[in-house]
Amino acid sequence: MATETPPPAKHPASLPSTEEFTAVQQSAEFGELRHAHRSFAFPLTIAFIAWYLLYVLLSNYAGDFMGTKVVGTINVALVLGLAQFLTTFLIAWWYARHAAAKLDPKAEAIKSRMEGGA
């Protein structure tokens, strides 16, 4: 028989008000956090989409080039296709490092100030 655990008690007095959330959102500190995220994520997103579209366009319109043998039966299309996976993992790793170094400390400072009421 499954026993349902009651939800944790809510303490409305400890939750920030709408005005406090709005004030933090308009603060310079939050603006710096947003800028740090956007200045990293947007250019990389655009670059990766362009790289992906280049691969698709080459596959569709440059069949001879994509069919060029590199080593044995491995051709340019296979190399570029595998490079898509590699760049995906590299970007994820790079973003994790960026977030840990630049975003998380700023976000944690905002969060602790909001939760602590400091």
PDB file of N, CA and C in Angstrom:
ATOM      1  N   MET A   1       0.837  -1.178   0.000  1.00  0.00           N
ATOM      2  CA  MET A   1       0.000   0.000   0.000  1.00  0.00           C
ATOM      3  C   MET A   1       0.886   1.248   0.000  1.00  0.00           C
ATOM      4  N   ALA A   2       0.642   2.117  -0.921  1.00  0.00           N
ATOM      5  CA  ALA A   2       1.439   3.338  -1.036  1.00  0.00           C
ATOM      6  C   ALA A   2       0.913   4.391  -0.084  1.00  0.00           C
ATOM      7  N   THR A   3       1.839   5.044   0.577  1.00  0.00           N
ATOM      8  CA  THR A   3       1.471   6.111   1.496  1.00  0.00           C
ATOM      9  C   THR A   3       1.886   7.430   0.871  1.00  0.00           C
ATOM     10  N   GLU A   4       0.960   8.331   0.823  1.00  0.00           N
ATOM     11  CA  GLU A   4       1.284   9.636   0.259  1.00  0.00           C
ATOM     12  C   GLU A   4       1.894  10.521   1.328  1.00  0.00           C
ATOM     13  N   THR A   5       2.985  11.144   0.980  1.00  0.00           N
ATOM     14  CA  THR A   5       3.635  12.079   1.886  1.00  0.00           C
ATOM     15  C   THR A   5       3.021  13.449   1.662  1.00  0.00           C
ATOM     16  N   PRO A   6       2.638  14.112   2.723  1.00  0.00           N
ATOM     17  CA  PRO A   6       2.041  15.437   2.529  1.00  0.00           C
ATOM     18  C   PRO A   6       3.084  16.411   1.989  1.00  0.00           C
ATOM     19  N   PRO A   7       2.651  17.401   1.227  1.00  0.00           N
ATOM     20  CA  PRO A   7       3.609  18.378   0.698  1.00  0.00           C
ATOM     21  C   PRO A   7       4.235  19.169   1.843  1.00  0.00           C
ATOM     22  N   PRO A   8       5.437  19.673   1.619  1.00  0.00           N
ATOM     23  CA  PRO A   8       6.069  20.462   2.686  1.00  0.00           C
ATOM     24  C   PRO A   8       5.260  21.713   2.979  1.00  0.00           C
ATOM     25  N   ALA A   9       5.306  22.103   4.230  1.00  0.00           N
ATOM     26  CA  ALA A   9       4.565  23.296   4.643  1.00  0.00           C
ATOM     27  C   ALA A   9       5.158  24.521   3.957  1.00  0.00           C
ATOM     28  N   LYS A  10       4.280  25.375   3.467  1.00  0.00           N
ATOM     29  CA  LYS A  10       4.735  26.605   2.821  1.00  0.00           C
ATOM     30  C   LYS A  10       4.813  27.717   3.859  1.00  0.00           C
ATOM     31  N   HIS A  11       5.857  28.501   3.727  1.00  0.00           N
ATOM     32  CA  HIS A  11       6.035  29.632   4.629  1.00  0.00           C
ATOM     33  C   HIS A  11       5.947  30.904   3.808  1.00  0.00           C
ATOM     34  N   PRO A  12       4.738  31.443   3.639  1.00  0.00           N
ATOM     35  CA  PRO A  12       4.573  32.621   2.785  1.00  0.00           C
ATOM     36  C   PRO A  12       5.437  33.804   3.209  1.00  0.00           C
ATOM     37  N   ALA A  13       5.760  33.894   4.491  1.00  0.00           N
ATOM     38  CA  ALA A  13       6.562  35.028   4.946  1.00  0.00           C
ATOM     39  C   ALA A  13       7.989  34.964   4.401  1.00  0.00           C
ATOM     40  N   SER A  14       8.486  33.756   4.089  1.00  0.00           N
ATOM     41  CA  SER A  14       9.860  33.636   3.620  1.00  0.00           C
ATOM     42  C   SER A  14       9.992  33.774   2.113  1.00  0.00           C
ATOM     43  N   LEU A  15       8.885  33.764   1.391  1.00  0.00           N
ATOM     44  CA  LEU A  15       8.936  33.909  -0.063  1.00  0.00           C
ATOM     45  C   LEU A  15       9.033  35.375  -0.448  1.00  0.00           C
ATOM     46  N   PRO A  16       9.881  35.686  -1.410  1.00  0.00           N
ATOM     47  CA  PRO A  16       9.976  37.086  -1.859  1.00  0.00           C
ATOM     48  C   PRO A  16       8.658  37.533  -2.500  1.00  0.00           C
ATOM     49  N   SER A  17       8.394  38.791  -2.368  1.00  0.00           N
ATOM     50  CA  SER A  17       7.171  39.348  -2.952  1.00  0.00           C
ATOM     51  C   SER A  17       7.374  39.609  -4.445  1.00  0.00           C
ATOM     52  N   THR A  18       6.288  39.894  -5.121  1.00  0.00           N
ATOM     53  CA  THR A  18       6.344  40.233  -6.542  1.00  0.00           C
ATOM     54  C   THR A  18       7.212  41.467  -6.757  1.00  0.00           C
ATOM     55  N   GLU A  19       7.105  42.420  -5.856  1.00  0.00           N
ATOM     56  CA  GLU A  19       7.896  43.639  -5.972  1.00  0.00           C
ATOM     57  C   GLU A  19       9.387  43.340  -5.836  1.00  0.00           C
ATOM     58  N   GLU A  20       9.732  42.405  -4.938  1.00  0.00           N
ATOM     59  CA  GLU A  20      11.140  42.037  -4.771  1.00  0.00           C
ATOM     60  C   GLU A  20      11.683  41.336  -6.021  1.00  0.00           C
ATOM     61  N   PHE A  21      10.858  40.456  -6.607  1.00  0.00           N
ATOM     62  CA  PHE A  21      11.276  39.811  -7.855  1.00  0.00           C
ATOM     63  C   PHE A  21      11.476  40.840  -8.961  1.00  0.00           C
ATOM     64  N   THR A  22      10.571  41.784  -9.052  1.00  0.00           N
ATOM     65  CA  THR A  22      10.674  42.831 -10.072  1.00  0.00           C
ATOM     66  C   THR A  22      11.922  43.682  -9.844  1.00  0.00           C
ATOM     67  N   ALA A  23      12.192  44.010  -8.592  1.00  0.00           N
ATOM     68  CA  ALA A  23      13.381  44.815  -8.283  1.00  0.00           C
ATOM     69  C   ALA A  23      14.660  44.075  -8.663  1.00  0.00           C
ATOM     70  N   VAL A  24      14.715  42.781  -8.377  1.00  0.00           N
ATOM     71  CA  VAL A  24      15.900  42.001  -8.736  1.00  0.00           C
ATOM     72  C   VAL A  24      16.031  41.911 -10.241  1.00  0.00           C
ATOM     73  N   GLN A  25      14.914  41.697 -10.920  1.00  0.00           N
ATOM     74  CA  GLN A  25      14.948  41.595 -12.383  1.00  0.00           C
ATOM     75  C   GLN A  25      15.456  42.889 -13.017  1.00  0.00           C
ATOM     76  N   GLN A  26      15.190  44.010 -12.412  1.00  0.00           N
ATOM     77  CA  GLN A  26      15.619  45.297 -12.952  1.00  0.00           C
ATOM     78  C   GLN A  26      16.981  45.738 -12.434  1.00  0.00           C
ATOM     79  N   SER A  27      17.590  44.933 -11.564  1.00  0.00           N
ATOM     80  CA  SER A  27      18.872  45.313 -10.976  1.00  0.00           C
ATOM     81  C   SER A  27      20.017  45.141 -11.973  1.00  0.00           C
ATOM     82  N   ALA A  28      21.097  45.864 -11.718  1.00  0.00           N
ATOM     83  CA  ALA A  28      22.294  45.765 -12.567  1.00  0.00           C
ATOM     84  C   ALA A  28      22.908  44.370 -12.470  1.00  0.00           C
ATOM     85  N   GLU A  29      22.854  43.766 -11.285  1.00  0.00           N
ATOM     86  CA  GLU A  29      23.421  42.428 -11.083  1.00  0.00           C
ATOM     87  C   GLU A  29      22.714  41.385 -11.961  1.00  0.00           C
ATOM     88  N   PHE A  30      21.388  41.465 -12.009  1.00  0.00           N
ATOM     89  CA  PHE A  30      20.631  40.537 -12.854  1.00  0.00           C
ATOM     90  C   PHE A  30      20.890  40.839 -14.330  1.00  0.00           C
ATOM     91  N   GLY A  31      21.035  42.105 -14.669  1.00  0.00           N
ATOM     92  CA  GLY A  31      21.362  42.487 -16.039  1.00  0.00           C
ATOM     93  C   GLY A  31      22.707  41.926 -16.468  1.00  0.00           C
ATOM     94  N   GLU A  32      23.685  41.931 -15.555  1.00  0.00           N
ATOM     95  CA  GLU A  32      25.001  41.349 -15.857  1.00  0.00           C
ATOM     96  C   GLU A  32      24.896  39.842 -16.063  1.00  0.00           C
ATOM     97  N   LEU A  33      24.073  39.179 -15.245  1.00  0.00           N
ATOM     98  CA  LEU A  33      23.869  37.739 -15.395  1.00  0.00           C
ATOM     99  C   LEU A  33      23.232  37.425 -16.747  1.00  0.00           C
ATOM    100  N   ARG A  34      22.214  38.168 -17.084  1.00  0.00           N
ATOM    101  CA  ARG A  34      21.540  37.970 -18.367  1.00  0.00           C
ATOM    102  C   ARG A  34      22.488  38.241 -19.536  1.00  0.00           C
ATOM    103  N   HIS A  35      23.298  39.286 -19.430  1.00  0.00           N
ATOM    104  CA  HIS A  35      24.259  39.614 -20.485  1.00  0.00           C
ATOM    105  C   HIS A  35      25.308  38.514 -20.622  1.00  0.00           C
ATOM    106  N   ALA A  36      25.796  37.998 -19.488  1.00  0.00           N
ATOM    107  CA  ALA A  36      26.807  36.932 -19.527  1.00  0.00           C
ATOM    108  C   ALA A  36      26.255  35.686 -20.213  1.00  0.00           C
ATOM    109  N   HIS A  37      24.993  35.382 -19.969  1.00  0.00           N
ATOM    110  CA  HIS A  37      24.373  34.217 -20.622  1.00  0.00           C
ATOM    111  C   HIS A  37      24.168  34.467 -22.111  1.00  0.00           C
ATOM    112  N   ARG A  38      23.555  35.594 -22.426  1.00  0.00           N
ATOM    113  CA  ARG A  38      23.221  35.878 -23.825  1.00  0.00           C
ATOM    114  C   ARG A  38      24.455  36.063 -24.698  1.00  0.00           C
ATOM    115  N   SER A  39      25.480  36.690 -24.168  1.00  0.00           N
ATOM    116  CA  SER A  39      26.674  36.935 -24.984  1.00  0.00           C
ATOM    117  C   SER A  39      27.418  35.642 -25.289  1.00  0.00           C
ATOM    118  N   PHE A  40      27.153  34.599 -24.538  1.00  0.00           N
ATOM    119  CA  PHE A  40      27.742  33.288 -24.816  1.00  0.00           C
ATOM    120  C   PHE A  40      26.803  32.435 -25.656  1.00  0.00           C
ATOM    121  N   ALA A  41      25.556  32.335 -25.236  1.00  0.00           N
ATOM    122  CA  ALA A  41      24.617  31.396 -25.861  1.00  0.00           C
ATOM    123  C   ALA A  41      24.187  31.819 -27.266  1.00  0.00           C
ATOM    124  N   PHE A  42      23.877  33.069 -27.478  1.00  0.00           N
ATOM    125  CA  PHE A  42      23.367  33.479 -28.782  1.00  0.00           C
ATOM    126  C   PHE A  42      24.382  33.316 -29.910  1.00  0.00           C
ATOM    127  N   PRO A  43      25.612  33.818 -29.763  1.00  0.00           N
ATOM    128  CA  PRO A  43      26.574  33.629 -30.858  1.00  0.00           C
ATOM    129  C   PRO A  43      26.868  32.153 -31.147  1.00  0.00           C
ATOM    130  N   LEU A  44      26.987  31.339 -30.094  1.00  0.00           N
ATOM    131  CA  LEU A  44      27.258  29.919 -30.324  1.00  0.00           C
ATOM    132  C   LEU A  44      26.073  29.228 -30.988  1.00  0.00           C
ATOM    133  N   THR A  45      24.875  29.611 -30.622  1.00  0.00           N
ATOM    134  CA  THR A  45      23.689  29.028 -31.255  1.00  0.00           C
ATOM    135  C   THR A  45      23.652  29.371 -32.737  1.00  0.00           C
ATOM    136  N   ILE A  46      23.896  30.626 -33.054  1.00  0.00           N
ATOM    137  CA  ILE A  46      23.909  31.056 -34.455  1.00  0.00           C
ATOM    138  C   ILE A  46      25.019  30.347 -35.230  1.00  0.00           C
ATOM    139  N   ALA A  47      26.199  30.255 -34.621  1.00  0.00           N
ATOM    140  CA  ALA A  47      27.317  29.584 -35.297  1.00  0.00           C
ATOM    141  C   ALA A  47      27.013  28.109 -35.536  1.00  0.00           C
ATOM    142  N   PHE A  48      26.415  27.436 -34.556  1.00  0.00           N
ATOM    143  CA  PHE A  48      26.134  26.022 -34.732  1.00  0.00           C
ATOM    144  C   PHE A  48      25.049  25.804 -35.783  1.00  0.00           C
ATOM    145  N   ILE A  49      24.026  26.644 -35.792  1.00  0.00           N
ATOM    146  CA  ILE A  49      22.978  26.512 -36.814  1.00  0.00           C
ATOM    147  C   ILE A  49      23.569  26.743 -38.201  1.00  0.00           C
ATOM    148  N   ALA A  50      24.446  27.735 -38.325  1.00  0.00           N
ATOM    149  CA  ALA A  50      25.087  27.984 -39.621  1.00  0.00           C
ATOM    150  C   ALA A  50      25.928  26.784 -40.045  1.00  0.00           C
ATOM    151  N   TRP A  51      26.661  26.193 -39.118  1.00  0.00           N
ATOM    152  CA  TRP A  51      27.486  25.020 -39.395  1.00  0.00           C
ATOM    153  C   TRP A  51      26.606  23.840 -39.811  1.00  0.00           C
ATOM    154  N   TYR A  52      25.478  23.659 -39.124  1.00  0.00           N
ATOM    155  CA  TYR A  52      24.564  22.570 -39.468  1.00  0.00           C
ATOM    156  C   TYR A  52      23.957  22.796 -40.856  1.00  0.00           C
ATOM    157  N   LEU A  53      23.530  24.022 -41.125  1.00  0.00           N
ATOM    158  CA  LEU A  53      22.948  24.315 -42.439  1.00  0.00           C
ATOM    159  C   LEU A  53      23.976  24.161 -43.553  1.00  0.00           C
ATOM    160  N   LEU A  54      25.225  24.515 -43.290  1.00  0.00           N
ATOM    161  CA  LEU A  54      26.278  24.301 -44.274  1.00  0.00           C
ATOM    162  C   LEU A  54      26.382  22.813 -44.605  1.00  0.00           C
ATOM    163  N   TYR A  55      26.355  21.974 -43.588  1.00  0.00           N
ATOM    164  CA  TYR A  55      26.412  20.526 -43.794  1.00  0.00           C
ATOM    165  C   TYR A  55      25.226  20.046 -44.637  1.00  0.00           C
ATOM    166  N   VAL A  56      24.044  20.525 -44.322  1.00  0.00           N
ATOM    167  CA  VAL A  56      22.843  20.125 -45.071  1.00  0.00           C
ATOM    168  C   VAL A  56      22.936  20.600 -46.520  1.00  0.00           C
ATOM    169  N   LEU A  57      23.344  21.851 -46.716  1.00  0.00           N
ATOM    170  CA  LEU A  57      23.454  22.380 -48.075  1.00  0.00           C
ATOM    171  C   LEU A  57      24.523  21.643 -48.880  1.00  0.00           C
ATOM    172  N   LEU A  58      25.655  21.365 -48.252  1.00  0.00           N
ATOM    173  CA  LEU A  58      26.686  20.590 -48.946  1.00  0.00           C
ATOM    174  C   LEU A  58      26.176  19.205 -49.305  1.00  0.00           C
ATOM    175  N   SER A  59      25.429  18.602 -48.414  1.00  0.00           N
ATOM    176  CA  SER A  59      24.874  17.262 -48.685  1.00  0.00           C
ATOM    177  C   SER A  59      23.917  17.286 -49.863  1.00  0.00           C
ATOM    178  N   ASN A  60      23.153  18.364 -49.967  1.00  0.00           N
ATOM    179  CA  ASN A  60      22.160  18.456 -51.044  1.00  0.00           C
ATOM    180  C   ASN A  60      22.746  18.904 -52.374  1.00  0.00           C
ATOM    181  N   TYR A  61      23.687  19.840 -52.333  1.00  0.00           N
ATOM    182  CA  TYR A  61      24.115  20.475 -53.574  1.00  0.00           C
ATOM    183  C   TYR A  61      25.572  20.222 -53.960  1.00  0.00           C
ATOM    184  N   ALA A  62      26.339  19.582 -53.107  1.00  0.00           N
ATOM    185  CA  ALA A  62      27.746  19.324 -53.425  1.00  0.00           C
ATOM    186  C   ALA A  62      28.045  17.839 -53.230  1.00  0.00           C
ATOM    187  N   GLY A  63      27.260  17.024 -53.891  1.00  0.00           N
ATOM    188  CA  GLY A  63      27.392  15.577 -53.752  1.00  0.00           C
ATOM    189  C   GLY A  63      28.760  15.054 -54.121  1.00  0.00           C
ATOM    190  N   ASP A  64      29.347  15.609 -55.164  1.00  0.00           N
ATOM    191  CA  ASP A  64      30.684  15.161 -55.572  1.00  0.00           C
ATOM    192  C   ASP A  64      31.720  15.458 -54.485  1.00  0.00           C
ATOM    193  N   PHE A  65      31.628  16.662 -53.922  1.00  0.00           N
ATOM    194  CA  PHE A  65      32.552  17.029 -52.847  1.00  0.00           C
ATOM    195  C   PHE A  65      32.350  16.143 -51.626  1.00  0.00           C
ATOM    196  N   MET A  66      31.090  15.954 -51.231  1.00  0.00           N
ATOM    197  CA  MET A  66      30.798  15.153 -50.040  1.00  0.00           C
ATOM    198  C   MET A  66      31.178  13.689 -50.243  1.00  0.00           C
ATOM    199  N   GLY A  67      31.182  13.236 -51.476  1.00  0.00           N
ATOM    200  CA  GLY A  67      31.549  11.857 -51.760  1.00  0.00           C
ATOM    201  C   GLY A  67      33.037  11.627 -51.905  1.00  0.00           C
ATOM    202  N   THR A  68      33.826  12.696 -51.794  1.00  0.00           N
ATOM    203  CA  THR A  68      35.276  12.574 -51.917  1.00  0.00           C
ATOM    204  C   THR A  68      35.822  11.691 -50.799  1.00  0.00           C
ATOM    205  N   LYS A  69      36.600  10.693 -51.186  1.00  0.00           N
ATOM    206  CA  LYS A  69      37.189   9.767 -50.212  1.00  0.00           C
ATOM    207  C   LYS A  69      38.300  10.467 -49.434  1.00  0.00           C
ATOM    208  N   VAL A  70      38.309  10.260 -48.141  1.00  0.00           N
ATOM    209  CA  VAL A  70      39.348  10.818 -47.280  1.00  0.00           C
ATOM    210  C   VAL A  70      40.372   9.733 -46.969  1.00  0.00           C
ATOM    211  N   VAL A  71      39.896   8.638 -46.413  1.00  0.00           N
ATOM    212  CA  VAL A  71      40.740   7.489 -46.084  1.00  0.00           C
ATOM    213  C   VAL A  71      39.903   6.233 -46.317  1.00  0.00           C
ATOM    214  N   GLY A  72      40.359   5.367 -47.171  1.00  0.00           N
ATOM    215  CA  GLY A  72      39.625   4.126 -47.437  1.00  0.00           C
ATOM    216  C   GLY A  72      38.224   4.422 -47.944  1.00  0.00           C
ATOM    217  N   THR A  73      37.219   3.912 -47.223  1.00  0.00           N
ATOM    218  CA  THR A  73      35.827   4.151 -47.623  1.00  0.00           C
ATOM    219  C   THR A  73      35.211   5.338 -46.887  1.00  0.00           C
ATOM    220  N   ILE A  74      35.989   6.017 -46.080  1.00  0.00           N
ATOM    221  CA  ILE A  74      35.486   7.174 -45.331  1.00  0.00           C
ATOM    222  C   ILE A  74      35.540   8.397 -46.237  1.00  0.00           C
ATOM    223  N   ASN A  75      34.386   9.046 -46.384  1.00  0.00           N
ATOM    224  CA  ASN A  75      34.321  10.220 -47.254  1.00  0.00           C
ATOM    225  C   ASN A  75      34.098  11.497 -46.446  1.00  0.00           C
ATOM    226  N   VAL A  76      34.094  12.625 -47.138  1.00  0.00           N
ATOM    227  CA  VAL A  76      33.933  13.930 -46.498  1.00  0.00           C
ATOM    228  C   VAL A  76      32.601  14.019 -45.766  1.00  0.00           C
ATOM    229  N   ALA A  77      31.542  13.465 -46.344  1.00  0.00           N
ATOM    230  CA  ALA A  77      30.229  13.518 -45.702  1.00  0.00           C
ATOM    231  C   ALA A  77      30.249  12.852 -44.332  1.00  0.00           C
ATOM    232  N   LEU A  78      30.879  11.714 -44.225  1.00  0.00           N
ATOM    233  CA  LEU A  78      30.955  11.016 -42.944  1.00  0.00           C
ATOM    234  C   LEU A  78      31.775  11.818 -41.936  1.00  0.00           C
ATOM    235  N   VAL A  79      32.882  12.366 -42.377  1.00  0.00           N
ATOM    236  CA  VAL A  79      33.724  13.159 -41.479  1.00  0.00           C
ATOM    237  C   VAL A  79      32.960  14.372 -40.967  1.00  0.00           C
ATOM    238  N   LEU A  80      32.292  15.096 -41.873  1.00  0.00           N
ATOM    239  CA  LEU A  80      31.533  16.275 -41.445  1.00  0.00           C
ATOM    240  C   LEU A  80      30.330  15.890 -40.582  1.00  0.00           C
ATOM    241  N   GLY A  81      29.694  14.771 -40.894  1.00  0.00           N
ATOM    242  CA  GLY A  81      28.573  14.302 -40.077  1.00  0.00           C
ATOM    243  C   GLY A  81      29.010  13.972 -38.665  1.00  0.00           C
ATOM    244  N   LEU A  82      30.129  13.287 -38.522  1.00  0.00           N
ATOM    245  CA  LEU A  82      30.653  12.989 -37.188  1.00  0.00           C
ATOM    246  C   LEU A  82      31.116  14.258 -36.483  1.00  0.00           C
ATOM    247  N   ALA A  83      31.613  15.209 -37.259  1.00  0.00           N
ATOM    248  CA  ALA A  83      32.024  16.494 -36.675  1.00  0.00           C
ATOM    249  C   ALA A  83      30.832  17.239 -36.081  1.00  0.00           C
ATOM    250  N   GLN A  84      29.633  17.016 -36.622  1.00  0.00           N
ATOM    251  CA  GLN A  84      28.425  17.611 -36.038  1.00  0.00           C
ATOM    252  C   GLN A  84      28.248  17.131 -34.601  1.00  0.00           C
ATOM    253  N   PHE A  85      28.415  15.834 -34.385  1.00  0.00           N
ATOM    254  CA  PHE A  85      28.290  15.295 -33.030  1.00  0.00           C
ATOM    255  C   PHE A  85      29.390  15.848 -32.127  1.00  0.00           C
ATOM    256  N   LEU A  86      30.600  15.877 -32.641  1.00  0.00           N
ATOM    257  CA  LEU A  86      31.718  16.375 -31.862  1.00  0.00           C
ATOM    258  C   LEU A  86      31.489  17.826 -31.429  1.00  0.00           C
ATOM    259  N   THR A  87      31.055  18.668 -32.358  1.00  0.00           N
ATOM    260  CA  THR A  87      30.831  20.071 -32.001  1.00  0.00           C
ATOM    261  C   THR A  87      29.681  20.214 -31.004  1.00  0.00           C
ATOM    262  N   THR A  88      28.673  19.361 -31.098  1.00  0.00           N
ATOM    263  CA  THR A  88      27.585  19.405 -30.126  1.00  0.00           C
ATOM    264  C   THR A  88      28.114  19.144 -28.721  1.00  0.00           C
ATOM    265  N   PHE A  89      28.925  18.112 -28.576  1.00  0.00           N
ATOM    266  CA  PHE A  89      29.476  17.796 -27.263  1.00  0.00           C
ATOM    267  C   PHE A  89      30.461  18.865 -26.789  1.00  0.00           C
ATOM    268  N   LEU A  90      31.260  19.397 -27.697  1.00  0.00           N
ATOM    269  CA  LEU A  90      32.198  20.453 -27.311  1.00  0.00           C
ATOM    270  C   LEU A  90      31.480  21.713 -26.844  1.00  0.00           C
ATOM    271  N   ILE A  91      30.414  22.082 -27.531  1.00  0.00           N
ATOM    272  CA  ILE A  91      29.652  23.261 -27.123  1.00  0.00           C
ATOM    273  C   ILE A  91      29.006  23.033 -25.763  1.00  0.00           C
ATOM    274  N   ALA A  92      28.451  21.835 -25.532  1.00  0.00           N
ATOM    275  CA  ALA A  92      27.846  21.533 -24.231  1.00  0.00           C
ATOM    276  C   ALA A  92      28.892  21.599 -23.119  1.00  0.00           C
ATOM    277  N   TRP A  93      30.070  21.042 -23.365  1.00  0.00           N
ATOM    278  CA  TRP A  93      31.142  21.083 -22.371  1.00  0.00           C
ATOM    279  C   TRP A  93      31.586  22.522 -22.113  1.00  0.00           C
ATOM    280  N   TRP A  94      31.752  23.282 -23.193  1.00  0.00           N
ATOM    281  CA  TRP A  94      32.174  24.673 -23.075  1.00  0.00           C
ATOM    282  C   TRP A  94      31.146  25.495 -22.301  1.00  0.00           C
ATOM    283  N   TYR A  95      29.858  25.269 -22.588  1.00  0.00           N
ATOM    284  CA  TYR A  95      28.810  25.999 -21.877  1.00  0.00           C
ATOM    285  C   TYR A  95      28.801  25.623 -20.399  1.00  0.00           C
ATOM    286  N   ALA A  96      28.993  24.344 -20.080  1.00  0.00           N
ATOM    287  CA  ALA A  96      29.021  23.929 -18.677  1.00  0.00           C
ATOM    288  C   ALA A  96      30.148  24.635 -17.927  1.00  0.00           C
ATOM    289  N   ARG A  97      31.306  24.747 -18.566  1.00  0.00           N
ATOM    290  CA  ARG A  97      32.430  25.467 -17.945  1.00  0.00           C
ATOM    291  C   ARG A  97      32.106  26.952 -17.790  1.00  0.00           C
ATOM    292  N   HIS A  98      31.518  27.539 -18.823  1.00  0.00           N
ATOM    293  CA  HIS A  98      31.147  28.962 -18.779  1.00  0.00           C
ATOM    294  C   HIS A  98      30.133  29.208 -17.664  1.00  0.00           C
ATOM    295  N   ALA A  99      29.128  28.337 -17.589  1.00  0.00           N
ATOM    296  CA  ALA A  99      28.092  28.499 -16.570  1.00  0.00           C
ATOM    297  C   ALA A  99      28.677  28.364 -15.170  1.00  0.00           C
ATOM    298  N   ALA A 100      29.537  27.385 -14.976  1.00  0.00           N
ATOM    299  CA  ALA A 100      30.137  27.189 -13.653  1.00  0.00           C
ATOM    300  C   ALA A 100      31.017  28.364 -13.247  1.00  0.00           C
ATOM    301  N   ALA A 101      31.710  28.944 -14.205  1.00  0.00           N
ATOM    302  CA  ALA A 101      32.634  30.035 -13.891  1.00  0.00           C
ATOM    303  C   ALA A 101      31.965  31.400 -13.822  1.00  0.00           C
ATOM    304  N   LYS A 102      31.023  31.655 -14.724  1.00  0.00           N
ATOM    305  CA  LYS A 102      30.474  33.009 -14.845  1.00  0.00           C
ATOM    306  C   LYS A 102      29.011  33.138 -14.389  1.00  0.00           C
ATOM    307  N   LEU A 103      28.181  32.154 -14.717  1.00  0.00           N
ATOM    308  CA  LEU A 103      26.750  32.298 -14.451  1.00  0.00           C
ATOM    309  C   LEU A 103      26.354  31.835 -13.056  1.00  0.00           C
ATOM    310  N   ASP A 104      26.824  30.665 -12.660  1.00  0.00           N
ATOM    311  CA  ASP A 104      26.391  30.091 -11.388  1.00  0.00           C
ATOM    312  C   ASP A 104      26.732  30.966 -10.178  1.00  0.00           C
ATOM    313  N   PRO A 105      27.939  31.536 -10.093  1.00  0.00           N
ATOM    314  CA  PRO A 105      28.214  32.397  -8.930  1.00  0.00           C
ATOM    315  C   PRO A 105      27.280  33.610  -8.858  1.00  0.00           C
ATOM    316  N   LYS A 106      27.015  34.225  -9.997  1.00  0.00           N
ATOM    317  CA  LYS A 106      26.119  35.385 -10.012  1.00  0.00           C
ATOM    318  C   LYS A 106      24.699  34.980  -9.660  1.00  0.00           C
ATOM    319  N   ALA A 107      24.243  33.858 -10.221  1.00  0.00           N
ATOM    320  CA  ALA A 107      22.890  33.377  -9.932  1.00  0.00           C
ATOM    321  C   ALA A 107      22.761  32.972  -8.467  1.00  0.00           C
ATOM    322  N   GLU A 108      23.781  32.335  -7.927  1.00  0.00           N
ATOM    323  CA  GLU A 108      23.745  31.920  -6.517  1.00  0.00           C
ATOM    324  C   GLU A 108      23.708  33.127  -5.597  1.00  0.00           C
ATOM    325  N   ALA A 109      24.442  34.180  -5.941  1.00  0.00           N
ATOM    326  CA  ALA A 109      24.429  35.399  -5.124  1.00  0.00           C
ATOM    327  C   ALA A 109      23.041  36.029  -5.122  1.00  0.00           C
ATOM    328  N   ILE A 110      22.414  36.077  -6.280  1.00  0.00           N
ATOM    329  CA  ILE A 110      21.056  36.631  -6.364  1.00  0.00           C
ATOM    330  C   ILE A 110      20.091  35.754  -5.582  1.00  0.00           C
ATOM    331  N   LYS A 111      20.198  34.446  -5.761  1.00  0.00           N
ATOM    332  CA  LYS A 111      19.296  33.510  -5.075  1.00  0.00           C
ATOM    333  C   LYS A 111      19.441  33.606  -3.561  1.00  0.00           C
ATOM    334  N   SER A 112      20.676  33.610  -3.074  1.00  0.00           N
ATOM    335  CA  SER A 112      20.861  33.668  -1.612  1.00  0.00           C
ATOM    336  C   SER A 112      20.369  34.984  -1.048  1.00  0.00           C
ATOM    337  N   ARG A 113      20.558  36.062  -1.792  1.00  0.00           N
ATOM    338  CA  ARG A 113      20.041  37.360  -1.320  1.00  0.00           C
ATOM    339  C   ARG A 113      18.517  37.357  -1.289  1.00  0.00           C
ATOM    340  N   MET A 114      17.905  36.736  -2.290  1.00  0.00           N
ATOM    341  CA  MET A 114      16.440  36.667  -2.328  1.00  0.00           C
ATOM    342  C   MET A 114      15.899  35.768  -1.213  1.00  0.00           C
ATOM    343  N   GLU A 115      16.543  34.634  -1.013  1.00  0.00           N
ATOM    344  CA  GLU A 115      16.054  33.700   0.008  1.00  0.00           C
ATOM    345  C   GLU A 115      16.375  34.174   1.424  1.00  0.00           C
ATOM    346  N   GLY A 116      17.502  34.839   1.553  1.00  0.00           N
ATOM    347  CA  GLY A 116      17.897  35.300   2.887  1.00  0.00           C
ATOM    348  C   GLY A 116      17.329  36.658   3.236  1.00  0.00           C
ATOM    349  N   GLY A 117      16.800  37.329   2.231  1.00  0.00           N
ATOM    350  CA  GLY A 117      16.237  38.655   2.489  1.00  0.00           C
ATOM    351  C   GLY A 117      17.298  39.715   2.716  1.00  0.00           C
ATOM    352  N   ALA A 118      18.549  39.377   2.349  1.00  0.00           N
ATOM    353  CA  ALA A 118      19.641  40.342   2.571  1.00  0.00           C
ATOM    354  C   ALA A 118      19.645  41.431   1.542  1.00  0.00           C
TER     355      ALA A 118
END
